Amino acid sequence: MPVNDDRTRAVRRIMAGAALAAFALGGVIAVPAGAQARDTAPLELKIGVPASAGVFTAGETITVTFTARNAGNSAVTLPEDARVVVEAVQDGPVTSYTGDCAATGVMPVDSYVKHSGEFDLPPVMQVGEMITCTTTYTPTADDVAAGGIFGALSYQLVPNLKEAGWKYYTLAAEGGSPTPVIASTAIVGKPLTVKRGFYGWWNEIFEYTWLVDGKPAGRVGPAFTPTDDELGSVISVRVAGMSEYGSIIKTSNATAPAVGKFTAPTPRVIGNTRVGSTLTAIPGIWTPSAAKTTYQWYRASSAISGATNWTYKLTAADKGRTVKVKVTGAKPGYPTLSKVSLPTTTIDAEHIVTATPKITGTTTVGRKLTATAGAWRPASVTLTYRWYRDNSAIKGATKPAYLLTAADRGKTIKVKVTASKTGYTTVAKVSQATAEIR
């Protein structure tokens, strides 16, 4: 049997309340104390929920009773097609309801109405006569997450006439907070939003008044973005649910004092990645400007002791490793922010500046030859010598001078000079060969 327009509009109003207010938190569905009702009908219509219902948890079986009773002092004569209409409504998917309320029900097209049962009334209802039906519902975890259950009960004296009387109840509300809730942390430049909390199904319009330190801030709407002027202030919001039946005004929690927020790029490291070179940290532009900026250099993932300046000179300990820098910004009223650069390439040993050695002296057996190393840098490098007869090393000939022997006759002589220093790449240079020894 079709559902008339009045009932459809009324149920949609319930659905709108459900859609706006249904938030399930903590795995429960909260049930408000008492039910709101609108009654223009001569019959007494009721929805009964378990007396112990404070919260409905997933897996708990809930039995709801719907009744139509003649509570007057005389019999009530009803038209031929008078009936009771029962509907169970929820904002979101729901498991099946069972019971006689759904036994002869018709499923409306509207997806929010999960069960609609219609029950014929007798031609006459005597004083105290009552018609009862029940619906049993076992919410699953998904149902709990979807929000609260809403019930509607009505009867029609004359089908499809707008003058028919209706009565609606909020059976169960959302599983969230009964009052508005905003995040506990307020950050300058980051929008705060409010979860409105439960209001009656008749509240169709909502107004928001944001408060800064308890005083209206002159801003409205469901979102609020703190500015620098609100730094250190606490934020709350006053929400009014408005309808033709009046208004309900509720105030949210207050945030902690609002803090600022830095934005900063990833710092860069520039400079030659060779032992002895100096690296420089480029922190980039911080918004707002940090009151204090500190630096810490790292060798691979280990902090380098004492390396807390914006520059760092590479040492022998860095050879074969990578280096990076952490930049930390601080400002009163702002949480400290740290940004870390990408690591450098592997640090190379420092290079020694070489010279080609020369040999001086007479190339005759019994005479002495002397090696002149030339100018090597840095001056602190250690030089060693090795003399060669043609291309073979001469045993024991490791001094800057070499005394020619009979074994050298007819051969050429040359010298190799090797330079070494900690943190530097060892390097060697070989002189030109002498003339043949006479």
Protein backbone atom coordinates (compact mmCIF):
# COMPACT_ATOMS: atom_id res chain seq x y z
CA MET A 1 0.00 0.00 0.00
CA PRO A 2 1.50 3.42 -0.85
CA VAL A 3 2.64 5.72 1.92
CA ASN A 4 1.01 9.15 1.84
CA ASP A 5 2.94 12.41 1.30
CA ASP A 6 2.65 13.70 4.88
CA ARG A 7 4.24 10.55 6.29
CA THR A 8 6.91 10.56 3.61
CA ARG A 9 7.85 14.16 4.37
CA ALA A 10 7.86 13.51 8.10
CA VAL A 11 10.03 10.43 7.78
CA ARG A 12 12.40 12.39 5.56
CA ARG A 13 12.67 14.97 8.34
CA ILE A 14 13.65 12.16 10.70
CA MET A 15 16.12 10.95 8.11
CA ALA A 16 17.59 14.43 7.81
CA GLY A 17 18.06 14.54 11.56
CA ALA A 18 19.70 11.13 11.44
CA ALA A 19 21.94 12.06 8.54
CA LEU A 20 23.11 15.20 10.28
CA ALA A 21 23.51 13.77 13.75
CA ALA A 22 24.55 10.14 13.39
CA PHE A 23 28.18 9.56 14.37
CA ALA A 24 29.08 6.28 16.14
CA LEU A 25 32.12 6.41 18.40
CA GLY A 26 33.74 3.86 20.68
CA GLY A 27 31.70 0.92 19.34
CA VAL A 28 28.36 1.87 20.94
CA ILE A 29 25.07 3.48 19.98
CA ALA A 30 23.96 5.99 22.61
CA VAL A 31 20.28 6.29 23.52
CA PRO A 32 19.06 9.62 24.91
CA ALA A 33 16.97 9.77 28.06
CA GLY A 34 13.35 10.04 26.95
CA ALA A 35 11.96 10.46 23.45
CA GLN A 36 10.85 13.58 21.62
CA ALA A 37 7.33 13.44 20.19
CA ARG A 38 4.93 15.40 18.07
CA ASP A 39 1.28 14.42 18.61
CA THR A 40 -1.81 15.67 16.80
CA ALA A 41 -3.72 12.37 16.92
CA PRO A 42 -6.62 11.32 19.18
CA LEU A 43 -5.09 7.87 19.72
CA GLU A 44 -2.14 7.35 22.07
CA LEU A 45 0.84 6.02 20.15
CA LYS A 46 4.02 4.89 21.90
CA ILE A 47 7.44 3.44 21.16
CA GLY A 48 8.95 1.46 24.00
CA VAL A 49 12.65 0.64 24.31
CA PRO A 50 14.26 -1.54 26.98
CA ALA A 51 14.28 0.16 30.35
CA SER A 52 18.00 -0.57 30.68
CA ALA A 53 18.86 1.01 27.33
CA GLY A 54 21.67 3.44 27.94
CA VAL A 55 23.83 2.21 25.10
CA PHE A 56 23.31 -0.47 22.49
CA THR A 57 26.45 -2.42 21.67
CA ALA A 58 27.19 -4.54 18.63
CA GLY A 59 25.68 -8.03 19.00
CA GLU A 60 23.13 -7.01 21.62
CA THR A 61 19.53 -7.90 20.74
CA ILE A 62 17.16 -4.94 21.13
CA THR A 63 13.39 -5.40 21.31
CA VAL A 64 11.27 -2.34 20.54
CA THR A 65 7.53 -2.27 21.12
CA PHE A 66 5.11 -0.08 19.14
CA THR A 67 1.58 0.43 20.50
CA ALA A 68 -1.63 2.20 19.47
CA ARG A 69 -4.08 2.58 22.38
CA ASN A 70 -7.39 4.26 22.95
CA ALA A 71 -6.60 6.15 26.11
CA GLY A 72 -9.79 8.17 26.06
CA ASN A 73 -13.01 7.84 28.03
CA SER A 74 -15.11 6.59 25.15
CA ALA A 75 -14.87 4.27 22.19
CA VAL A 76 -13.27 5.60 19.03
CA THR A 77 -14.86 4.87 15.68
CA LEU A 78 -12.33 4.67 12.87
CA PRO A 79 -12.85 4.87 9.12
CA GLU A 80 -12.64 1.75 7.02
CA ASP A 81 -9.01 2.07 5.93
CA ALA A 82 -7.47 3.34 9.18
CA ARG A 83 -4.14 1.74 9.94
CA VAL A 84 -1.00 1.98 12.10
CA VAL A 85 2.23 2.62 10.21
CA VAL A 86 5.56 1.64 11.80
CA GLU A 87 8.90 2.58 10.34
CA ALA A 88 12.48 1.97 11.46
CA VAL A 89 15.01 4.43 10.08
CA GLN A 90 18.79 4.62 10.20
CA ASP A 91 21.41 6.77 8.48
CA GLY A 92 23.41 4.03 6.80
CA PRO A 93 23.30 0.28 6.08
CA VAL A 94 21.63 -1.84 8.73
CA THR A 95 20.98 -5.53 9.42
CA SER A 96 17.44 -6.91 9.19
CA TYR A 97 14.78 -6.19 11.74
CA THR A 98 12.50 -9.08 12.72
CA GLY A 99 9.14 -9.27 14.48
CA ASP A 100 5.51 -8.72 13.71
CA CYS A 101 6.04 -5.03 12.93
CA ALA A 102 7.72 -6.05 9.71
CA ALA A 103 5.52 -9.03 8.94
CA THR A 104 3.18 -7.25 6.53
CA GLY A 105 5.44 -4.34 5.85
CA VAL A 106 6.16 -2.67 2.55
CA MET A 107 9.67 -1.42 1.77
CA PRO A 108 9.58 2.20 0.61
CA VAL A 109 11.85 3.33 -2.16
CA ASP A 110 13.64 5.61 0.28
CA SER A 111 16.84 3.74 1.27
CA TYR A 112 16.94 5.21 4.77
CA VAL A 113 13.64 3.58 5.78
CA LYS A 114 14.63 0.01 6.56
CA HIS A 115 11.22 -1.40 7.56
CA SER A 116 7.70 -0.13 7.13
CA GLY A 117 4.89 -2.14 8.68
CA GLU A 118 1.22 -1.24 8.17
CA PHE A 119 -1.44 -2.75 10.42
CA ASP A 120 -5.16 -2.35 9.93
CA LEU A 121 -7.11 -0.88 12.83
CA PRO A 122 -10.53 -2.24 13.76
CA PRO A 123 -13.62 -0.18 12.94
CA VAL A 124 -14.05 0.62 16.63
CA MET A 125 -11.42 0.76 19.37
CA GLN A 126 -12.89 0.46 22.84
CA VAL A 127 -11.59 2.36 25.83
CA GLY A 128 -8.20 0.90 26.78
CA GLU A 129 -8.01 -1.29 23.68
CA MET A 130 -4.44 -1.57 22.43
CA ILE A 131 -2.75 -2.92 19.32
CA THR A 132 0.89 -3.96 19.84
CA CYS A 133 3.67 -5.08 17.58
CA THR A 134 7.37 -5.61 18.19
CA THR A 135 10.57 -5.28 16.26
CA THR A 136 13.77 -7.06 17.24
CA TYR A 137 17.08 -5.64 16.05
CA THR A 138 20.65 -6.88 16.63
CA PRO A 139 23.17 -4.24 15.51
CA THR A 140 26.45 -5.37 14.01
CA ALA A 141 29.74 -3.49 14.22
CA ASP A 142 28.94 -1.96 10.82
CA ASP A 143 25.53 -0.81 12.07
CA VAL A 144 27.13 0.81 15.10
CA ALA A 145 29.59 2.60 12.83
CA ALA A 146 26.70 3.86 10.67
CA GLY A 147 24.98 5.70 13.51
CA GLY A 148 21.79 5.58 15.55
CA ILE A 149 18.41 3.97 14.95
CA PHE A 150 15.38 6.19 14.49
CA GLY A 151 11.78 5.02 14.82
CA ALA A 152 8.58 6.58 13.54
CA LEU A 153 5.02 5.58 14.52
CA SER A 154 1.87 7.01 13.01
CA TYR A 155 -1.71 6.23 12.12
CA GLN A 156 -4.00 7.44 9.38
CA LEU A 157 -7.68 8.17 10.00
CA VAL A 158 -8.29 8.55 6.31
CA PRO A 159 -5.68 7.21 3.88
CA ASN A 160 -3.77 9.67 1.74
CA LEU A 161 -5.28 12.80 3.25
CA LYS A 162 -2.98 15.52 4.53
CA GLU A 163 -5.29 16.11 7.51
CA ALA A 164 -4.38 12.72 8.98
CA GLY A 165 -2.80 12.74 12.43
CA TRP A 166 0.81 11.66 12.91
CA LYS A 167 3.07 10.99 15.81
CA TYR A 168 6.88 10.53 15.62
CA TYR A 169 9.46 9.49 18.15
CA THR A 170 13.20 9.53 18.17
CA LEU A 171 13.90 5.97 19.19
CA ALA A 172 17.68 6.13 19.48
CA ALA A 173 20.28 8.72 18.74
CA GLU A 174 23.86 8.80 17.50
CA GLY A 175 26.69 7.00 19.25
CA GLY A 176 28.80 10.13 19.53
CA SER A 177 28.86 13.03 21.93
CA PRO A 178 25.58 14.69 23.00
CA THR A 179 27.37 18.03 22.71
CA PRO A 180 29.51 19.57 19.95
CA VAL A 181 33.12 18.39 19.84
CA ILE A 182 36.15 20.09 18.26
CA ALA A 183 39.76 18.98 18.17
CA SER A 184 41.67 19.65 21.39
CA THR A 185 44.60 21.19 19.48
CA ALA A 186 44.20 24.54 17.75
CA ILE A 187 46.94 25.53 15.30
CA VAL A 188 47.21 28.93 13.65
CA GLY A 189 46.38 28.62 9.97
CA LYS A 190 44.81 25.15 10.26
CA PRO A 191 40.97 24.89 10.08
CA LEU A 192 39.10 23.55 13.10
CA THR A 193 35.87 21.65 12.38
CA VAL A 194 33.09 20.65 14.73
CA LYS A 195 31.19 17.39 15.15
CA ARG A 196 27.82 18.80 16.06
CA GLY A 197 26.58 16.08 18.43
CA PHE A 198 22.97 14.95 18.90
CA TYR A 199 20.00 17.23 18.34
CA GLY A 200 16.33 16.32 17.91
CA TRP A 201 15.08 15.26 14.49
CA TRP A 202 13.14 18.52 14.18
CA ASN A 203 16.31 20.64 14.16
CA GLU A 204 16.73 21.37 10.49
CA ILE A 205 18.87 24.55 10.61
CA PHE A 206 22.09 24.97 12.57
CA GLU A 207 23.92 28.16 13.45
CA TYR A 208 27.53 28.32 14.66
CA THR A 209 29.09 31.00 16.82
CA TRP A 210 32.84 30.59 17.40
CA LEU A 211 34.28 31.79 20.69
CA VAL A 212 37.82 32.95 21.41
CA ASP A 213 38.61 32.91 25.13
CA GLY A 214 34.85 32.61 25.70
CA LYS A 215 33.90 35.68 23.62
CA PRO A 216 32.29 35.70 20.15
CA ALA A 217 34.97 35.99 17.49
CA GLY A 218 32.64 37.38 14.82
CA ARG A 219 32.96 34.27 12.67
CA VAL A 220 30.26 31.69 11.87
CA GLY A 221 29.99 28.40 9.99
CA PRO A 222 31.04 24.83 10.79
CA ALA A 223 34.77 25.59 10.39
CA PHE A 224 37.11 28.11 12.01
CA THR A 225 40.74 28.89 11.14
CA PRO A 226 42.73 30.53 13.97
CA THR A 227 44.84 33.51 12.95
CA ASP A 228 48.00 34.96 14.49
CA ASP A 229 45.71 37.14 16.63
CA GLU A 230 44.35 33.95 18.28
CA LEU A 231 47.81 32.63 19.19
CA GLY A 232 47.66 31.48 22.82
CA SER A 233 43.83 31.69 23.00
CA VAL A 234 41.37 28.86 23.65
CA ILE A 235 38.73 28.20 21.01
CA SER A 236 35.20 26.82 21.40
CA VAL A 237 31.97 26.94 19.41
CA ARG A 238 28.31 27.47 20.29
CA VAL A 239 25.88 25.51 18.07
CA ALA A 240 22.17 26.31 17.90
CA GLY A 241 19.73 23.80 16.38
CA MET A 242 16.80 25.79 14.99
CA SER A 243 13.29 24.73 13.96
CA GLU A 244 9.67 25.87 14.11
CA TYR A 245 9.45 24.13 17.49
CA GLY A 246 12.20 26.23 19.07
CA SER A 247 15.96 25.98 19.39
CA ILE A 248 18.54 24.01 21.33
CA ILE A 249 21.90 25.69 22.04
CA LYS A 250 24.95 23.66 23.06
CA THR A 251 28.58 24.70 23.57
CA SER A 252 31.57 22.54 22.66
CA ASN A 253 34.69 21.79 24.61
CA ALA A 254 37.46 24.43 24.60
CA THR A 255 40.76 23.70 22.91
CA ALA A 256 44.14 24.04 24.53
CA PRO A 257 45.76 27.45 23.88
CA ALA A 258 46.25 27.86 20.13
CA VAL A 259 49.80 27.37 18.91
CA GLY A 260 51.55 28.60 15.79
CA LYS A 261 52.89 26.44 13.02
CA PHE A 262 56.15 26.71 11.13
CA THR A 263 56.48 25.90 7.48
CA ALA A 264 60.01 25.28 6.24
CA PRO A 265 61.74 23.67 3.29
CA THR A 266 64.24 20.83 3.48
CA PRO A 267 67.68 22.41 4.15
CA ARG A 268 70.50 22.00 1.65
CA VAL A 269 74.23 21.33 2.13
CA ILE A 270 76.68 22.95 -0.28
CA GLY A 271 80.45 22.64 -0.56
CA ASN A 272 83.20 20.33 -1.78
CA THR A 273 82.78 16.82 -0.35
CA ARG A 274 86.48 16.25 0.30
CA VAL A 275 88.34 16.01 3.59
CA GLY A 276 89.52 19.47 4.59
CA SER A 277 86.74 21.30 2.73
CA THR A 278 84.01 23.30 4.50
CA LEU A 279 80.34 22.47 4.07
CA THR A 280 77.62 25.12 4.52
CA ALA A 281 73.99 24.59 5.61
CA ILE A 282 71.32 26.52 3.67
CA PRO A 283 68.15 26.44 5.86
CA GLY A 284 65.81 28.06 3.32
CA ILE A 285 62.97 30.45 4.16
CA TRP A 286 60.96 29.68 7.31
CA THR A 287 57.43 31.05 7.72
CA PRO A 288 57.16 32.81 10.05
CA SER A 289 60.82 33.63 10.61
CA ALA A 290 62.23 31.54 13.44
CA ALA A 291 63.36 33.50 16.48
CA LYS A 292 66.22 31.03 16.92
CA THR A 293 67.76 28.54 14.50
CA THR A 294 70.17 25.81 15.61
CA TYR A 295 72.24 23.28 13.66
CA GLN A 296 73.50 19.76 14.24
CA TRP A 297 75.72 17.95 11.74
CA TYR A 298 75.61 14.16 11.37
CA ARG A 299 78.12 11.64 10.05
CA ALA A 300 75.79 9.06 8.52
CA SER A 301 73.16 8.82 11.34
CA SER A 302 75.40 9.78 14.27
CA ALA A 303 75.58 13.33 15.60
CA ILE A 304 79.08 14.82 15.29
CA SER A 305 80.21 16.12 18.67
CA GLY A 306 80.58 19.90 18.69
CA ALA A 307 79.40 20.32 15.09
CA THR A 308 76.61 22.82 15.83
CA ASN A 309 77.46 25.77 13.59
CA TRP A 310 75.98 26.55 10.19
CA THR A 311 79.28 25.48 8.63
CA TYR A 312 81.30 22.29 9.12
CA LYS A 313 84.87 21.44 8.09
CA LEU A 314 85.26 17.86 6.95
CA THR A 315 87.83 15.78 8.83
CA ALA A 316 89.63 12.51 8.21
CA ALA A 317 86.88 10.74 10.23
CA ASP A 318 84.38 11.68 7.51
CA LYS A 319 86.32 9.89 4.76
CA GLY A 320 84.12 7.27 3.08
CA ARG A 321 80.98 8.45 4.95
CA THR A 322 78.11 10.82 4.15
CA VAL A 323 77.24 13.98 6.06
CA LYS A 324 73.91 15.73 6.64
CA VAL A 325 72.60 18.60 8.78
CA LYS A 326 69.49 19.07 10.95
CA VAL A 327 68.09 22.59 11.23
CA THR A 328 65.79 23.35 14.19
CA GLY A 329 63.64 26.47 14.43
CA ALA A 330 62.11 27.86 17.63
CA LYS A 331 59.74 30.74 18.38
CA PRO A 332 57.58 31.52 21.44
CA GLY A 333 54.09 30.05 20.98
CA TYR A 334 55.23 27.69 18.22
CA PRO A 335 56.07 23.99 18.53
CA THR A 336 59.75 23.44 17.71
CA LEU A 337 60.27 22.19 14.16
CA SER A 338 63.29 20.28 12.82
CA LYS A 339 64.13 19.66 9.18
CA VAL A 340 66.95 17.37 7.96
CA SER A 341 68.88 17.74 4.72
CA LEU A 342 69.58 14.97 2.26
CA PRO A 343 72.97 13.28 2.86
CA THR A 344 75.97 14.39 0.83
CA THR A 345 77.79 12.11 -1.56
CA THR A 346 80.52 9.95 -0.02
CA ILE A 347 83.32 12.11 1.40
CA ASP A 348 86.62 11.76 -0.48
CA ALA A 349 90.10 11.98 1.00
CA GLU A 350 91.90 15.27 0.40
CA HIS A 351 94.36 15.35 -2.49
CA ILE A 352 98.09 16.02 -2.12
CA VAL A 353 99.68 18.47 -4.54
CA THR A 354 102.62 16.64 -6.14
CA ALA A 355 105.91 17.47 -7.87
CA THR A 356 108.12 15.38 -10.16
CA PRO A 357 111.35 14.45 -8.36
CA LYS A 358 114.77 15.03 -9.98
CA ILE A 359 118.12 13.18 -9.67
CA THR A 360 121.42 15.08 -9.42
CA GLY A 361 125.00 13.73 -9.30
CA THR A 362 127.62 11.99 -11.51
CA THR A 363 126.44 8.76 -13.16
CA THR A 364 129.69 6.82 -12.41
CA VAL A 365 130.11 3.75 -10.22
CA GLY A 366 131.27 4.84 -6.78
CA ARG A 367 129.59 8.27 -6.99
CA LYS A 368 126.45 9.38 -5.12
CA LEU A 369 123.13 10.33 -6.67
CA THR A 370 120.69 12.63 -4.78
CA ALA A 371 116.90 12.87 -5.18
CA THR A 372 115.28 16.29 -5.01
CA ALA A 373 111.54 15.80 -4.23
CA GLY A 374 110.34 19.26 -5.23
CA ALA A 375 107.45 21.23 -3.65
CA TRP A 376 104.72 18.95 -2.25
CA ARG A 377 101.66 20.35 -0.42
CA PRO A 378 100.71 20.38 2.30
CA ALA A 379 104.20 20.79 3.67
CA SER A 380 103.40 18.33 6.48
CA VAL A 381 103.13 15.31 4.17
CA THR A 382 105.54 12.43 4.79
CA LEU A 383 107.86 11.60 1.86
CA THR A 384 109.49 8.21 1.28
CA TYR A 385 111.98 7.16 -1.42
CA ARG A 386 112.59 4.05 -3.47
CA TRP A 387 115.49 3.73 -6.03
CA TYR A 388 115.22 1.55 -9.13
CA ARG A 389 117.82 -0.06 -11.41
CA ASP A 390 116.09 0.05 -14.76
CA ASN A 391 112.63 -1.12 -13.60
CA SER A 392 113.65 -3.24 -10.61
CA ALA A 393 113.66 -1.91 -7.05
CA ILE A 394 117.14 -1.82 -5.52
CA LYS A 395 117.15 -3.67 -2.22
CA GLY A 396 117.66 -1.32 0.76
CA ALA A 397 117.83 1.84 -1.41
CA THR A 398 115.22 3.94 0.47
CA LYS A 399 117.15 7.12 1.34
CA PRO A 400 117.15 10.49 -0.46
CA ALA A 401 120.69 9.61 -1.70
CA TYR A 402 122.04 6.48 -3.40
CA LEU A 403 125.68 5.32 -3.86
CA LEU A 404 126.21 3.73 -7.29
CA THR A 405 127.70 0.18 -7.30
CA ALA A 406 129.24 -2.12 -9.86
CA ALA A 407 125.83 -3.74 -10.32
CA ASP A 408 124.55 -0.45 -11.73
CA ARG A 409 127.10 -0.33 -14.56
CA GLY A 410 125.36 -0.20 -17.93
CA LYS A 411 121.97 0.33 -16.28
CA THR A 412 119.80 3.42 -15.76
CA ILE A 413 118.68 4.68 -12.36
CA LYS A 414 115.44 6.40 -11.33
CA VAL A 415 113.74 7.26 -8.02
CA LYS A 416 110.11 7.15 -6.86
CA VAL A 417 108.92 9.61 -4.18
CA THR A 418 105.69 8.70 -2.26
CA ALA A 419 103.71 11.23 -0.16
CA SER A 420 101.22 10.24 2.57
CA LYS A 421 99.15 11.98 5.25
CA THR A 422 96.16 10.95 7.36
CA GLY A 423 92.93 11.93 5.59
CA TYR A 424 94.70 12.32 2.25
CA THR A 425 95.02 10.00 -0.70
CA THR A 426 98.54 8.58 -0.85
CA VAL A 427 100.28 9.55 -4.11
CA ALA A 428 103.65 8.79 -5.78
CA LYS A 429 105.74 10.37 -8.56
CA VAL A 430 108.73 8.86 -10.45
CA SER A 431 111.73 10.79 -11.76
CA GLN A 432 113.17 10.52 -15.24
CA ALA A 433 115.81 7.79 -15.64
CA THR A 434 119.51 8.74 -15.63
CA ALA A 435 121.93 8.02 -18.46
CA GLU A 436 123.58 4.59 -18.37
CA ILE A 437 125.92 4.25 -15.44
CA ARG A 438 129.63 4.06 -16.42
